[in-house]
Amino acid sequence: MPDRDGGESSAEILEAHREIMKVRGKKVVVCGAGGFIGGHLVNSLLADGAEVIRAVDVKPLDEWYQSSGEVENLVLDLKEKNSCLKAAEGAEVVFQLAADMGGMGFIENNKALCMLSVLTNTHMLMAAREQGVERFFYSSSACVYNGDKQKNPEVVALKEEDAYPALPEDGYGWEKLFSERMCRHFEEDFGLVCRVARYHNVYGPLGTWTGGREKAPAAICRKVIEAKASGSHEIEIWGDGKQTRSFMYIDDCTRGTQAILESEILEPINLGTNELVTINQLVALAEEIGGVKLQRKYILNAPKGVNGRNSDNTKILEYLGWEPSIRLKDGLAKTYEWIESQMLAGVTKR
């Protein structure tokens, strides 16, 4: 698809950029590799020619969402500095995605656990510096943005500067914002090259879809499948369904993560789509995919997060000539199909 000026598409521009990738052939460590995004990132890096020497997560290996036999898989608690030193040993590039987090239900009810990820981020930065790492990627979140700018469902897309004055999501958002500043100061004071992306609602197959940590797209897909299978034809929706979000498919996330790591972007940058939808519209898409129409039951006292959040992609387009562009309808169909296959196979926990 040509861009707005009739030239190369954003995908073609990004592919050209990747021809001079700084990560290809580099010794790479992925922290949080047993998680949803981390597992996809390991495989994406391997496919693109990176030498992933180590994948690290706190979960037992049999609980990892994905694992690769091509890398050293280590079970380490990265809140401990010695574990971080072991994780970063011999690495030239570190992707720090490890965090204790989940969907809004988890974030709102586990603020202390979310805040404790500050230990992981700080100790990984210290270890990366001591082990001579060249580049350090940190996965931040759109939860860092000032809550006063997210009260209206018809939200103005959030620009990077909207993180200040600071009023982030309590717990999780403060942890992310603090760690962004740590990355900045480790680069300024110690010369560790740091790149930071603010993820906006990542979803896709091979992720959490039940158990309390799942995010909205997976939760909605599961609920539609359950209602269809049971014949109840009713779905519970947290909030009034009018709250708005943008959702980024996992392939766009891994592609953008690599490009930001390799870039000269010195500031935290949005990584998300700008396809704004209401939760009601998200439900309608899942219903369309499932070929069913359900009665909606709104749980108004359930965790629902801010009223509106969207990604302003002006800067990522300026820096990379690319932005996440996989349509929600397409990504959700793949996610729905995968979750349905898990449920049909009798999987009860993910």
Protein backbone atom coordinates (compact mmCIF):
# COMPACT_ATOMS: atom_id res chain seq x y z
CA MET A 1 0.00 0.00 0.00
CA PRO A 2 1.56 3.34 -0.98
CA ASP A 3 1.99 6.02 1.65
CA ARG A 4 0.07 9.29 1.69
CA ASP A 5 2.56 10.80 -0.79
CA GLY A 6 2.33 7.87 -3.19
CA GLY A 7 5.81 6.58 -2.36
CA GLU A 8 7.01 3.54 -0.47
CA SER A 9 4.71 1.98 2.11
CA SER A 10 5.62 2.15 5.79
CA ALA A 11 6.33 -1.60 5.75
CA GLU A 12 8.78 -1.17 2.87
CA ILE A 13 10.50 1.70 4.65
CA LEU A 14 10.86 -0.36 7.82
CA GLU A 15 12.24 -3.31 5.85
CA ALA A 16 14.86 -0.99 4.33
CA HIS A 17 15.71 0.21 7.81
CA ARG A 18 16.13 -3.36 9.02
CA GLU A 19 18.75 -4.01 6.35
CA ILE A 20 21.15 -2.02 8.52
CA MET A 21 19.92 -3.49 11.79
CA LYS A 22 22.22 -3.09 14.77
CA VAL A 23 20.85 -6.27 16.35
CA ARG A 24 21.67 -8.68 13.52
CA GLY A 25 24.61 -10.84 14.60
CA LYS A 26 24.64 -9.30 18.08
CA LYS A 27 24.58 -11.35 21.27
CA VAL A 28 21.10 -10.72 22.67
CA VAL A 29 19.36 -11.47 25.97
CA VAL A 30 15.57 -11.28 26.36
CA CYS A 31 14.32 -10.80 29.91
CA GLY A 32 10.72 -11.82 30.46
CA ALA A 33 11.07 -14.33 27.63
CA GLY A 34 8.57 -16.69 29.23
CA GLY A 35 5.85 -14.10 28.88
CA PHE A 36 3.55 -13.36 25.97
CA ILE A 37 5.51 -10.55 24.28
CA GLY A 38 8.91 -11.93 25.30
CA GLY A 39 8.26 -15.33 23.75
CA HIS A 40 7.20 -13.79 20.46
CA LEU A 41 10.20 -11.44 20.55
CA VAL A 42 12.71 -14.28 20.95
CA ASN A 43 11.37 -16.01 17.86
CA SER A 44 11.21 -12.77 15.89
CA LEU A 45 14.82 -11.92 16.75
CA LEU A 46 16.02 -15.39 15.79
CA ALA A 47 14.21 -15.13 12.46
CA ASP A 48 15.89 -11.79 11.80
CA GLY A 49 19.41 -13.03 12.41
CA ALA A 50 20.09 -11.99 15.97
CA GLU A 51 22.20 -14.32 18.10
CA VAL A 52 19.88 -14.74 21.05
CA ILE A 53 22.22 -16.27 23.60
CA ARG A 54 19.82 -16.33 26.52
CA ALA A 55 16.11 -16.17 27.39
CA VAL A 56 15.24 -15.48 31.01
CA ASP A 57 12.08 -15.62 33.09
CA VAL A 58 11.09 -16.22 36.71
CA LYS A 59 8.46 -18.85 35.83
CA PRO A 60 9.34 -22.56 35.65
CA LEU A 61 10.22 -23.44 32.07
CA ASP A 62 7.12 -25.59 31.62
CA GLU A 63 4.99 -22.51 32.35
CA TRP A 64 6.60 -20.33 29.69
CA TYR A 65 4.22 -19.25 26.94
CA GLN A 66 6.87 -20.17 24.36
CA SER A 67 10.43 -21.43 24.54
CA SER A 68 13.07 -22.03 21.89
CA GLY A 69 15.56 -24.86 21.82
CA GLU A 70 17.97 -22.57 19.95
CA VAL A 71 18.78 -20.47 23.02
CA GLU A 72 19.83 -20.94 26.64
CA ASN A 73 16.64 -20.77 28.71
CA LEU A 74 17.25 -19.70 32.32
CA VAL A 75 14.82 -19.52 35.24
CA LEU A 76 15.98 -16.55 37.31
CA ASP A 77 14.35 -14.05 39.67
CA LEU A 78 15.50 -10.76 38.15
CA LYS A 79 14.50 -8.79 41.24
CA GLU A 80 17.84 -10.09 42.57
CA LYS A 81 20.94 -8.30 41.28
CA ASN A 82 23.06 -11.46 41.11
CA SER A 83 20.45 -13.03 38.83
CA CYS A 84 20.60 -9.95 36.61
CA LEU A 85 24.39 -10.18 36.40
CA LYS A 86 24.06 -13.81 35.31
CA ALA A 87 21.37 -12.89 32.77
CA ALA A 88 23.43 -10.09 31.19
CA GLU A 89 26.77 -11.94 31.08
CA GLY A 90 28.31 -11.87 27.60
CA ALA A 91 25.43 -9.87 26.12
CA GLU A 92 25.71 -6.93 23.75
CA VAL A 93 21.98 -6.16 23.70
CA VAL A 94 19.38 -6.58 26.45
CA PHE A 95 15.63 -6.43 25.97
CA GLN A 96 14.10 -5.84 29.41
CA LEU A 97 10.46 -6.94 29.27
CA ALA A 98 10.30 -8.75 32.62
CA ALA A 99 7.53 -7.42 34.88
CA ASP A 100 4.79 -8.57 37.22
CA MET A 101 1.71 -7.37 35.38
CA GLY A 102 -1.54 -8.28 33.67
CA GLY A 103 -4.80 -6.77 32.54
CA MET A 104 -6.67 -3.97 34.33
CA GLY A 105 -8.17 -6.35 36.89
CA PHE A 106 -4.68 -7.41 37.98
CA ILE A 107 -3.14 -3.92 37.82
CA GLU A 108 -5.84 -2.28 39.95
CA ASN A 109 -5.72 -5.00 42.63
CA ASN A 110 -1.95 -5.66 42.81
CA LYS A 111 -0.29 -2.25 43.00
CA ALA A 112 2.53 -3.34 45.32
CA LEU A 113 3.43 -6.33 43.14
CA CYS A 114 3.53 -4.06 40.09
CA MET A 115 5.73 -1.54 41.90
CA LEU A 116 8.21 -4.26 42.88
CA SER A 117 9.19 -4.53 39.19
CA VAL A 118 11.26 -1.41 39.91
CA LEU A 119 13.79 -3.79 41.47
CA THR A 120 13.99 -5.84 38.27
CA ASN A 121 14.42 -2.78 36.05
CA THR A 122 17.01 -1.13 38.30
CA HIS A 123 19.08 -4.26 38.83
CA MET A 124 19.00 -5.09 35.11
CA LEU A 125 20.27 -1.59 34.29
CA MET A 126 23.05 -1.97 36.86
CA ALA A 127 23.95 -5.42 35.54
CA ALA A 128 23.91 -4.25 31.92
CA ARG A 129 26.33 -1.45 32.77
CA GLU A 130 28.66 -3.73 34.73
CA GLN A 131 28.62 -6.42 32.01
CA GLY A 132 29.45 -3.95 29.22
CA VAL A 133 26.11 -4.20 27.37
CA GLU A 134 25.95 -1.87 24.34
CA ARG A 135 22.19 -1.29 24.04
CA PHE A 136 19.34 -1.68 26.50
CA PHE A 137 15.64 -1.76 25.55
CA TYR A 138 12.99 -1.09 28.17
CA SER A 139 9.31 -1.88 27.64
CA SER A 140 7.29 0.89 29.23
CA SER A 141 3.55 1.39 28.96
CA ALA A 142 0.85 3.86 28.00
CA CYS A 143 -0.12 3.64 31.69
CA VAL A 144 2.53 6.33 32.31
CA TYR A 145 0.29 9.02 30.81
CA ASN A 146 -1.40 11.70 32.88
CA GLY A 147 -4.81 10.42 33.94
CA ASP A 148 -6.42 13.85 33.58
CA LYS A 149 -5.90 13.56 29.82
CA GLN A 150 -7.81 10.24 29.67
CA LYS A 151 -11.14 11.08 31.30
CA ASN A 152 -13.12 11.40 28.07
CA PRO A 153 -13.88 8.36 25.85
CA GLU A 154 -13.43 10.70 22.88
CA VAL A 155 -9.82 11.12 23.95
CA VAL A 156 -7.29 13.19 22.04
CA ALA A 157 -4.49 10.79 21.07
CA LEU A 158 -1.71 10.89 23.64
CA LYS A 159 1.55 12.55 22.66
CA GLU A 160 4.81 11.54 24.31
CA GLU A 161 4.98 14.84 26.22
CA ASP A 162 1.59 14.08 27.84
CA ALA A 163 3.35 11.95 30.47
CA TYR A 164 4.14 15.19 32.33
CA PRO A 165 3.11 16.69 34.66
CA ALA A 166 3.12 13.20 36.11
CA LEU A 167 -0.16 11.55 37.08
CA PRO A 168 0.22 7.96 35.82
CA GLU A 169 -1.79 4.82 36.63
CA ASP A 170 -1.33 4.19 40.34
CA GLY A 171 1.19 1.43 41.02
CA TYR A 172 1.99 0.03 37.58
CA GLY A 173 2.16 3.39 35.82
CA TRP A 174 4.40 4.96 38.45
CA GLU A 175 6.77 1.97 38.25
CA LYS A 176 7.01 2.37 34.47
CA LEU A 177 7.54 6.13 34.61
CA PHE A 178 10.21 5.85 37.29
CA SER A 179 12.07 3.21 35.29
CA GLU A 180 11.94 5.37 32.16
CA ARG A 181 13.81 8.02 34.14
CA MET A 182 16.33 5.43 35.32
CA CYS A 183 17.04 4.51 31.70
CA ARG A 184 17.50 8.16 30.82
CA HIS A 185 19.96 8.77 33.65
CA PHE A 186 21.93 5.57 33.04
CA GLU A 187 22.47 6.81 29.48
CA GLU A 188 23.35 10.35 30.56
CA ASP A 189 25.59 9.39 33.48
CA PHE A 190 27.10 6.06 32.41
CA GLY A 191 26.82 5.96 28.61
CA LEU A 192 24.56 2.89 28.46
CA VAL A 193 22.52 3.39 25.28
CA CYS A 194 18.86 2.99 26.30
CA ARG A 195 15.75 2.88 24.15
CA VAL A 196 12.24 3.02 25.60
CA ALA A 197 8.90 2.14 24.00
CA ARG A 198 5.51 2.84 25.55
CA TYR A 199 3.40 -0.18 24.62
CA HIS A 200 -0.31 0.34 24.00
CA ASN A 201 -2.46 -2.76 24.73
CA VAL A 202 -0.66 -5.63 23.02
CA TYR A 203 -2.68 -8.73 22.08
CA GLY A 204 -2.48 -11.87 19.95
CA PRO A 205 -2.19 -15.67 20.02
CA LEU A 206 -0.08 -17.55 22.58
CA GLY A 207 -0.98 -15.11 25.35
CA THR A 208 -2.97 -15.10 28.57
CA TRP A 209 -6.69 -15.56 27.97
CA THR A 210 -7.95 -16.72 31.37
CA GLY A 211 -6.98 -16.70 35.03
CA GLY A 212 -7.25 -12.99 35.89
CA ARG A 213 -4.22 -11.50 34.11
CA GLU A 214 -5.71 -11.48 30.62
CA LYS A 215 -6.27 -8.21 28.75
CA ALA A 216 -9.46 -7.04 27.10
CA PRO A 217 -9.13 -8.59 23.59
CA ALA A 218 -8.36 -12.06 24.96
CA ALA A 219 -10.97 -11.79 27.71
CA ILE A 220 -13.66 -10.71 25.26
CA CYS A 221 -12.80 -13.52 22.83
CA ARG A 222 -12.97 -16.08 25.65
CA LYS A 223 -16.30 -14.75 26.91
CA VAL A 224 -17.84 -14.82 23.42
CA ILE A 225 -16.64 -18.40 22.88
CA GLU A 226 -17.95 -19.46 26.30
CA ALA A 227 -21.36 -17.82 25.73
CA LYS A 228 -21.66 -19.39 22.30
CA ALA A 229 -20.73 -22.86 23.58
CA SER A 230 -23.03 -22.69 26.61
CA GLY A 231 -25.98 -21.23 24.76
CA SER A 232 -26.34 -18.51 27.42
CA HIS A 233 -26.06 -15.77 24.80
CA GLU A 234 -24.99 -13.26 27.46
CA ILE A 235 -21.65 -11.53 27.98
CA GLU A 236 -20.37 -9.56 30.95
CA ILE A 237 -18.57 -6.32 30.13
CA TRP A 238 -16.51 -4.42 32.68
CA GLY A 239 -17.68 -0.81 32.79
CA ASP A 240 -20.30 0.71 30.53
CA GLY A 241 -18.60 -0.40 27.31
CA LYS A 242 -18.11 3.19 26.18
CA GLN A 243 -14.48 3.43 27.30
CA THR A 244 -12.09 3.64 24.35
CA ARG A 245 -8.73 2.03 23.57
CA SER A 246 -6.38 1.16 20.73
CA PHE A 247 -5.03 -2.39 20.50
CA MET A 248 -1.74 -3.46 18.89
CA TYR A 249 -1.26 -6.92 17.39
CA ILE A 250 1.82 -8.80 18.58
CA ASP A 251 3.57 -8.84 15.16
CA ASP A 252 3.51 -5.03 15.06
CA CYS A 253 4.82 -4.98 18.62
CA THR A 254 7.87 -7.17 17.97
CA ARG A 255 8.63 -5.37 14.69
CA GLY A 256 8.45 -1.97 16.36
CA THR A 257 10.42 -3.12 19.40
CA GLN A 258 13.37 -4.16 17.24
CA ALA A 259 13.24 -0.99 15.18
CA ILE A 260 13.16 1.26 18.26
CA LEU A 261 16.08 -0.62 19.85
CA GLU A 262 18.14 -0.07 16.71
CA SER A 263 17.10 3.58 16.25
CA GLU A 264 18.59 6.82 17.48
CA ILE A 265 15.35 7.78 19.26
CA LEU A 266 16.54 9.29 22.53
CA GLU A 267 13.13 9.76 24.17
CA PRO A 268 10.42 7.28 25.21
CA ILE A 269 8.24 6.68 22.16
CA ASN A 270 4.67 5.47 21.63
CA LEU A 271 4.33 1.98 20.17
CA GLY A 272 0.69 1.31 19.41
CA THR A 273 -1.97 1.66 16.75
CA ASN A 274 -4.18 4.73 16.50
CA GLU A 275 -7.28 2.68 15.58
CA LEU A 276 -9.53 3.86 18.41
CA VAL A 277 -12.50 1.65 19.36
CA THR A 278 -14.94 1.41 22.25
CA ILE A 279 -15.10 -1.76 24.30
CA ASN A 280 -18.59 -2.23 22.85
CA GLN A 281 -17.06 -2.16 19.37
CA LEU A 282 -14.43 -4.67 20.45
CA VAL A 283 -17.21 -6.98 21.64
CA ALA A 284 -19.08 -6.51 18.36
CA LEU A 285 -15.96 -7.53 16.39
CA ALA A 286 -15.58 -10.70 18.48
CA GLU A 287 -19.29 -11.45 18.02
CA GLU A 288 -18.90 -11.04 14.25
CA ILE A 289 -15.92 -13.40 14.21
CA GLY A 290 -17.85 -15.94 16.30
CA GLY A 291 -21.03 -15.58 14.27
CA VAL A 292 -23.15 -14.83 17.33
CA LYS A 293 -25.03 -11.93 18.89
CA LEU A 294 -25.07 -11.68 22.68
CA GLN A 295 -27.02 -9.84 25.35
CA ARG A 296 -24.67 -7.45 27.14
CA LYS A 297 -24.51 -7.25 30.92
CA TYR A 298 -22.50 -4.28 32.17
CA ILE A 299 -20.58 -4.64 35.45
CA LEU A 300 -20.22 -0.99 36.42
CA ASN A 301 -18.18 -1.57 39.59
CA ALA A 302 -15.55 -3.76 37.87
CA PRO A 303 -12.04 -2.46 37.09
CA LYS A 304 -12.19 -0.60 33.78
CA GLY A 305 -9.20 1.76 33.77
CA VAL A 306 -9.29 5.20 32.20
CA ASN A 307 -12.21 6.31 30.04
CA GLY A 308 -10.15 6.88 26.92
CA ARG A 309 -6.63 6.14 25.66
CA ASN A 310 -5.14 6.28 22.16
CA SER A 311 -1.67 6.51 20.65
CA ASP A 312 -0.45 9.59 18.80
CA ASN A 313 1.96 8.16 16.21
CA THR A 314 3.38 11.41 14.87
CA LYS A 315 6.84 10.86 16.32
CA ILE A 316 7.28 7.19 15.42
CA LEU A 317 6.33 8.07 11.85
CA GLU A 318 8.87 10.89 11.84
CA TYR A 319 11.64 8.69 13.27
CA LEU A 320 10.98 5.39 11.47
CA GLY A 321 8.64 6.17 8.59
CA TRP A 322 6.49 3.36 10.01
CA GLU A 323 3.71 2.77 12.50
CA PRO A 324 1.79 -0.31 13.70
CA SER A 325 -0.88 -0.93 11.08
CA ILE A 326 -2.38 -4.42 11.49
CA ARG A 327 -6.13 -3.88 11.71
CA LEU A 328 -7.89 -4.91 14.89
CA LYS A 329 -10.40 -6.99 12.95
CA ASP A 330 -7.60 -9.06 11.39
CA GLY A 331 -5.55 -9.53 14.53
CA LEU A 332 -8.59 -10.31 16.65
CA ALA A 333 -9.68 -13.03 14.23
CA LYS A 334 -6.32 -14.80 14.68
CA THR A 335 -6.52 -14.36 18.43
CA TYR A 336 -10.08 -15.68 18.59
CA GLU A 337 -9.17 -18.71 16.49
CA TRP A 338 -6.23 -19.57 18.74
CA ILE A 339 -8.18 -19.16 21.99
CA GLU A 340 -11.01 -21.27 20.59
CA SER A 341 -8.52 -24.01 19.69
CA GLN A 342 -7.19 -23.98 23.26
CA MET A 343 -10.67 -24.24 24.73
CA LEU A 344 -11.67 -27.05 22.38
CA ALA A 345 -8.50 -28.89 23.38
CA GLY A 346 -9.56 -28.73 27.00
CA VAL A 347 -6.96 -26.21 28.16
CA THR A 348 -8.33 -24.52 31.29
CA LYS A 349 -5.50 -22.19 32.30
CA ARG A 350 -3.12 -19.95 30.41
